[in-house]
Structure formats: C-alpha cells, structure tokens
C-alpha cells in the first residue's frame, strides 16, 4: 500500500499564524490542562499495571515503518519528527501537537508540515515478510453457513409456533 504524503505550508519559510491556528492552540492547551488535572487525581500505577500496558502496546515500531516530517510549530520553531508511514499527514491520528524542544511550549500545535522521507529503508527480509497475523484466537463456534441457515429456519418456525399460541 503506497501512501501519498500531504504537505501544508512551508515549515522552513516565514509563517503567519491564522485565527484557526490560535483557536487550535487554545483548545490544545485547555485539553492538556484538563488531562493533567485528571491525572493528578488518579492513583499511581503499580509496576504490574505498567507491564500489562507495555504488553498491550506491543513492541516498538521498527524504523522502516516510520516517516520523517519537517514541522512548524505554533511557537514558530521548526523541528523534525517521526510518525507512522501509514498516515498521509503528521497531524492526524490524535497527534496534532508536539512539545517544542527549543522553547518548551507544551503542547504546540503543528501549523505547517512537509514530508522528508522514510526514517530507514526496509531490509530485504522486511520487504519479503508477510503482514502480521492476529494472535487472537478465533471463537470456538465455527459453524458452516448451511448449519446456520438450518438453525435460523428452526428458530423462525419456533417463533411462528409461539405466535400462533398467543
């Protein structure tokens, strides 16, 4: 699956912030502050809970599945960041803000972006590898279509019989 990466503005050129940029930054700050307040109320996690979360998240994304992006942040600084190669934009999928490493603004919304290229080239082994299969076990009930149709007909007949009794 080939992704056509999008661009918005020119991150390394001068950028004049729009009203939409100011609004998005204000909303991002409000959401960030609310989340910090909620986290302050939550009890600390045990090591077992952290380990369970690591298992749920799985292994880190390999470098060849990441795309490099040049980003212009709300604060005016330009940075390089990495995102999944599956997304055509760096600001989609719930990650439309960054912490600026230069001035520390957190969150700083992304106001301009352009793709730079993959973080790494896949090796021959990774190129030939088949897509991962789910490790989830299928449900135990694996009846054929004919069996399901027969059961459906039997249930319909039973329903009609119950309706006739009423």
C-alpha atoms as a PDB file:
ATOM      1  CA  UNK A   1       0.000   0.000   0.000  1.00  0.00           C
ATOM      2  CA  UNK A   2       1.594   3.238  -1.176  1.00  0.00           C
ATOM      3  CA  UNK A   3       0.691   6.391   0.765  1.00  0.00           C
ATOM      4  CA  UNK A   4       0.667   9.815  -0.888  1.00  0.00           C
ATOM      5  CA  UNK A   5       2.024  12.162   1.762  1.00  0.00           C
ATOM      6  CA  UNK A   6       0.441  15.588   2.041  1.00  0.00           C
ATOM      7  CA  UNK A   7       2.019  18.944   2.841  1.00  0.00           C
ATOM      8  CA  UNK A   8       0.639  22.122   4.362  1.00  0.00           C
ATOM      9  CA  UNK A   9       2.550  25.378   4.138  1.00  0.00           C
ATOM     10  CA  UNK A  10       6.338  25.531   4.077  1.00  0.00           C
ATOM     11  CA  UNK A  11       7.733  24.787   7.546  1.00  0.00           C
ATOM     12  CA  UNK A  12      11.097  26.480   6.964  1.00  0.00           C
ATOM     13  CA  UNK A  13       9.625  29.696   5.476  1.00  0.00           C
ATOM     14  CA  UNK A  14       8.088  32.546   7.441  1.00  0.00           C
ATOM     15  CA  UNK A  15       4.611  31.613   8.572  1.00  0.00           C
ATOM     16  CA  UNK A  16       1.857  33.983   9.646  1.00  0.00           C
ATOM     17  CA  UNK A  17      -0.446  32.395  12.218  1.00  0.00           C
ATOM     18  CA  UNK A  18      -4.145  32.319  11.354  1.00  0.00           C
ATOM     19  CA  UNK A  19      -7.172  32.640  13.613  1.00  0.00           C
ATOM     20  CA  UNK A  20      -7.660  28.874  13.212  1.00  0.00           C
ATOM     21  CA  UNK A  21      -4.085  28.293  14.456  1.00  0.00           C
ATOM     22  CA  UNK A  22      -4.724  30.445  17.535  1.00  0.00           C
ATOM     23  CA  UNK A  23      -8.016  28.627  18.197  1.00  0.00           C
ATOM     24  CA  UNK A  24      -6.430  25.175  17.829  1.00  0.00           C
ATOM     25  CA  UNK A  25      -3.576  26.146  20.169  1.00  0.00           C
ATOM     26  CA  UNK A  26      -6.017  27.498  22.767  1.00  0.00           C
ATOM     27  CA  UNK A  27      -8.100  24.286  22.573  1.00  0.00           C
ATOM     28  CA  UNK A  28      -4.970  22.120  22.808  1.00  0.00           C
ATOM     29  CA  UNK A  29      -3.843  23.972  25.951  1.00  0.00           C
ATOM     30  CA  UNK A  30      -7.285  23.588  27.537  1.00  0.00           C
ATOM     31  CA  UNK A  31      -7.369  19.842  26.787  1.00  0.00           C
ATOM     32  CA  UNK A  32      -3.806  19.409  28.058  1.00  0.00           C
ATOM     33  CA  UNK A  33      -4.599  21.211  31.323  1.00  0.00           C
ATOM     34  CA  UNK A  34      -7.768  19.155  31.846  1.00  0.00           C
ATOM     35  CA  UNK A  35      -5.862  15.909  31.274  1.00  0.00           C
ATOM     36  CA  UNK A  36      -3.143  16.983  33.719  1.00  0.00           C
ATOM     37  CA  UNK A  37      -5.807  17.721  36.371  1.00  0.00           C
ATOM     38  CA  UNK A  38      -7.400  14.291  35.824  1.00  0.00           C
ATOM     39  CA  UNK A  39      -4.026  12.548  36.004  1.00  0.00           C
ATOM     40  CA  UNK A  40      -3.309  14.391  39.256  1.00  0.00           C
ATOM     41  CA  UNK A  41      -6.429  12.804  40.763  1.00  0.00           C
ATOM     42  CA  UNK A  42      -5.585   9.273  39.626  1.00  0.00           C
ATOM     43  CA  UNK A  43      -3.749   6.845  41.902  1.00  0.00           C
ATOM     44  CA  UNK A  44      -0.229   5.866  40.808  1.00  0.00           C
ATOM     45  CA  UNK A  45       0.111   2.747  38.682  1.00  0.00           C
ATOM     46  CA  UNK A  46       1.732  -0.392  40.023  1.00  0.00           C
ATOM     47  CA  UNK A  47       4.615  -1.999  38.164  1.00  0.00           C
ATOM     48  CA  UNK A  48       2.280  -4.861  37.142  1.00  0.00           C
ATOM     49  CA  UNK A  49      -0.114  -2.396  35.509  1.00  0.00           C
ATOM     50  CA  UNK A  50       2.757  -0.722  33.622  1.00  0.00           C
ATOM     51  CA  UNK A  51       3.942  -4.132  32.419  1.00  0.00           C
ATOM     52  CA  UNK A  52       0.425  -5.024  31.241  1.00  0.00           C
ATOM     53  CA  UNK A  53       0.267  -1.733  29.291  1.00  0.00           C
ATOM     54  CA  UNK A  54       3.631  -2.493  27.632  1.00  0.00           C
ATOM     55  CA  UNK A  55       2.262  -5.895  26.583  1.00  0.00           C
ATOM     56  CA  UNK A  56      -0.899  -4.331  25.155  1.00  0.00           C
ATOM     57  CA  UNK A  57       1.086  -1.755  23.171  1.00  0.00           C
ATOM     58  CA  UNK A  58       3.420  -4.385  21.780  1.00  0.00           C
ATOM     59  CA  UNK A  59       6.982  -3.916  20.584  1.00  0.00           C
ATOM     60  CA  UNK A  60       8.216  -0.503  19.399  1.00  0.00           C
ATOM     61  CA  UNK A  61       7.538   0.396  15.773  1.00  0.00           C
ATOM     62  CA  UNK A  62      10.508  -0.546  13.562  1.00  0.00           C
ATOM     63  CA  UNK A  63      12.398   2.385  11.998  1.00  0.00           C
ATOM     64  CA  UNK A  64      11.485   1.351   8.441  1.00  0.00           C
ATOM     65  CA  UNK A  65       7.761   1.824   9.279  1.00  0.00           C
ATOM     66  CA  UNK A  66       8.317   5.486  10.265  1.00  0.00           C
ATOM     67  CA  UNK A  67       8.165   8.637   8.109  1.00  0.00           C
ATOM     68  CA  UNK A  68      10.248  11.777   8.815  1.00  0.00           C
ATOM     69  CA  UNK A  69       8.450  15.138   8.770  1.00  0.00           C
ATOM     70  CA  UNK A  70       9.564  18.770   8.926  1.00  0.00           C
ATOM     71  CA  UNK A  71       7.113  20.589  11.224  1.00  0.00           C
ATOM     72  CA  UNK A  72       6.498  24.261  12.004  1.00  0.00           C
ATOM     73  CA  UNK A  73       5.011  24.600  15.479  1.00  0.00           C
ATOM     74  CA  UNK A  74       2.711  27.302  16.850  1.00  0.00           C
ATOM     75  CA  UNK A  75       5.643  28.885  18.701  1.00  0.00           C
ATOM     76  CA  UNK A  76       7.419  29.442  15.359  1.00  0.00           C
ATOM     77  CA  UNK A  77      10.146  26.827  15.755  1.00  0.00           C
ATOM     78  CA  UNK A  78      10.755  24.230  13.031  1.00  0.00           C
ATOM     79  CA  UNK A  79      11.546  20.685  14.122  1.00  0.00           C
ATOM     80  CA  UNK A  80      11.871  17.235  12.616  1.00  0.00           C
ATOM     81  CA  UNK A  81       9.562  14.497  13.899  1.00  0.00           C
ATOM     82  CA  UNK A  82       8.660  10.913  13.011  1.00  0.00           C
ATOM     83  CA  UNK A  83       5.228   9.383  12.533  1.00  0.00           C
ATOM     84  CA  UNK A  84       3.802   6.149  11.163  1.00  0.00           C
ATOM     85  CA  UNK A  85       4.263   5.760   7.402  1.00  0.00           C
ATOM     86  CA  UNK A  86       0.621   4.671   7.138  1.00  0.00           C
ATOM     87  CA  UNK A  87      -0.731   8.195   7.659  1.00  0.00           C
ATOM     88  CA  UNK A  88      -0.567  10.818   4.882  1.00  0.00           C
ATOM     89  CA  UNK A  89      -0.341  13.657   7.468  1.00  0.00           C
ATOM     90  CA  UNK A  90       1.723  14.064  10.638  1.00  0.00           C
ATOM     91  CA  UNK A  91      -1.110  15.800  12.470  1.00  0.00           C
ATOM     92  CA  UNK A  92      -3.701  13.038  12.142  1.00  0.00           C
ATOM     93  CA  UNK A  93      -4.462  10.139  14.423  1.00  0.00           C
ATOM     94  CA  UNK A  94      -4.571  12.106  17.645  1.00  0.00           C
ATOM     95  CA  UNK A  95      -1.061  13.544  17.419  1.00  0.00           C
ATOM     96  CA  UNK A  96      -1.596  17.079  16.135  1.00  0.00           C
ATOM     97  CA  UNK A  97       0.722  18.690  18.688  1.00  0.00           C
ATOM     98  CA  UNK A  98       4.270  18.409  19.934  1.00  0.00           C
ATOM     99  CA  UNK A  99       6.404  19.609  22.803  1.00  0.00           C
ATOM    100  CA  UNK A 100       8.806  22.180  21.398  1.00  0.00           C
ATOM    101  CA  UNK A 101      12.372  21.150  22.270  1.00  0.00           C
ATOM    102  CA  UNK A 102      13.632  24.727  21.801  1.00  0.00           C
ATOM    103  CA  UNK A 103      11.246  26.825  23.908  1.00  0.00           C
ATOM    104  CA  UNK A 104       9.433  24.087  25.867  1.00  0.00           C
ATOM    105  CA  UNK A 105       5.909  25.051  24.745  1.00  0.00           C
ATOM    106  CA  UNK A 106       3.746  22.026  25.538  1.00  0.00           C
ATOM    107  CA  UNK A 107       1.502  21.486  23.691  1.00  0.00           C
ATOM    108  CA  UNK A 108       2.460  23.314  20.498  1.00  0.00           C
ATOM    109  CA  UNK A 109       0.113  22.621  17.590  1.00  0.00           C
ATOM    110  CA  UNK A 110       1.512  21.840  14.157  1.00  0.00           C
ATOM    111  CA  UNK A 111       0.784  24.741  11.771  1.00  0.00           C
ATOM    112  CA  UNK A 112       2.818  23.638   8.712  1.00  0.00           C
ATOM    113  CA  UNK A 113       4.399  20.370   7.629  1.00  0.00           C
ATOM    114  CA  UNK A 114       6.096  18.570   4.752  1.00  0.00           C
ATOM    115  CA  UNK A 115       7.374  15.003   4.358  1.00  0.00           C
ATOM    116  CA  UNK A 116      11.134  14.391   4.354  1.00  0.00           C
ATOM    117  CA  UNK A 117      11.188  10.662   3.613  1.00  0.00           C
ATOM    118  CA  UNK A 118      11.324   7.360   5.447  1.00  0.00           C
ATOM    119  CA  UNK A 119      13.378   7.102   8.622  1.00  0.00           C
ATOM    120  CA  UNK A 120      15.061   3.929   7.341  1.00  0.00           C
ATOM    121  CA  UNK A 121      14.890   1.643   4.327  1.00  0.00           C
ATOM    122  CA  UNK A 122      13.375  -1.780   4.928  1.00  0.00           C
ATOM    123  CA  UNK A 123      15.789  -4.679   4.660  1.00  0.00           C
ATOM    124  CA  UNK A 124      15.201  -7.431   2.105  1.00  0.00           C
ATOM    125  CA  UNK A 125      13.928  -9.642   4.927  1.00  0.00           C
ATOM    126  CA  UNK A 126      11.357  -6.992   5.986  1.00  0.00           C
ATOM    127  CA  UNK A 127      10.233  -6.404   2.376  1.00  0.00           C
ATOM    128  CA  UNK A 128       9.503 -10.093   1.825  1.00  0.00           C
ATOM    129  CA  UNK A 129       7.856 -10.589   5.207  1.00  0.00           C
ATOM    130  CA  UNK A 130       4.135 -11.260   5.091  1.00  0.00           C
ATOM    131  CA  UNK A 131       1.801  -8.977   7.055  1.00  0.00           C
ATOM    132  CA  UNK A 132       1.425  -9.912  10.681  1.00  0.00           C
ATOM    133  CA  UNK A 133      -1.450 -12.165  11.618  1.00  0.00           C
ATOM    134  CA  UNK A 134      -3.544 -11.520  14.659  1.00  0.00           C
ATOM    135  CA  UNK A 135      -2.581 -13.561  17.701  1.00  0.00           C
ATOM    136  CA  UNK A 136      -6.205 -13.547  18.833  1.00  0.00           C
ATOM    137  CA  UNK A 137      -7.794 -16.974  18.852  1.00  0.00           C
ATOM    138  CA  UNK A 138     -10.983 -17.307  16.806  1.00  0.00           C
ATOM    139  CA  UNK A 139     -14.244 -18.024  18.594  1.00  0.00           C
ATOM    140  CA  UNK A 140     -14.853 -21.697  19.375  1.00  0.00           C
ATOM    141  CA  UNK A 141     -18.192 -21.735  17.477  1.00  0.00           C
ATOM    142  CA  UNK A 142     -17.212 -22.087  13.796  1.00  0.00           C
ATOM    143  CA  UNK A 143     -20.377 -23.485  12.179  1.00  0.00           C
ATOM    144  CA  UNK A 144     -20.864 -23.671   8.439  1.00  0.00           C
ATOM    145  CA  UNK A 145     -23.302 -21.488   6.565  1.00  0.00           C
ATOM    146  CA  UNK A 146     -25.633 -24.451   5.977  1.00  0.00           C
ATOM    147  CA  UNK A 147     -25.740 -25.178   9.717  1.00  0.00           C
ATOM    148  CA  UNK A 148     -26.508 -21.533  10.498  1.00  0.00           C
ATOM    149  CA  UNK A 149     -29.282 -21.414   7.860  1.00  0.00           C
ATOM    150  CA  UNK A 150     -30.835 -24.591   9.270  1.00  0.00           C
ATOM    151  CA  UNK A 151     -30.728 -23.202  12.821  1.00  0.00           C
ATOM    152  CA  UNK A 152     -32.210 -19.905  11.609  1.00  0.00           C
ATOM    153  CA  UNK A 153     -35.098 -21.742   9.907  1.00  0.00           C
ATOM    154  CA  UNK A 154     -35.747 -23.813  13.029  1.00  0.00           C
ATOM    155  CA  UNK A 155     -35.836 -20.688  15.195  1.00  0.00           C
ATOM    156  CA  UNK A 156     -38.204 -18.960  12.773  1.00  0.00           C
ATOM    157  CA  UNK A 157     -40.556 -21.958  12.861  1.00  0.00           C
ATOM    158  CA  UNK A 158     -40.431 -21.982  16.676  1.00  0.00           C
ATOM    159  CA  UNK A 159     -41.202 -18.254  16.741  1.00  0.00           C
ATOM    160  CA  UNK A 160     -44.203 -18.713  14.436  1.00  0.00           C
ATOM    161  CA  UNK A 161     -45.482 -21.547  16.670  1.00  0.00           C
ATOM    162  CA  UNK A 162     -45.192 -19.303  19.751  1.00  0.00           C
ATOM    163  CA  UNK A 163     -47.039 -16.502  17.950  1.00  0.00           C
ATOM    164  CA  UNK A 164     -49.864 -18.893  16.993  1.00  0.00           C
ATOM    165  CA  UNK A 165     -50.222 -19.946  20.672  1.00  0.00           C
ATOM    166  CA  UNK A 166     -50.604 -16.345  21.847  1.00  0.00           C
END
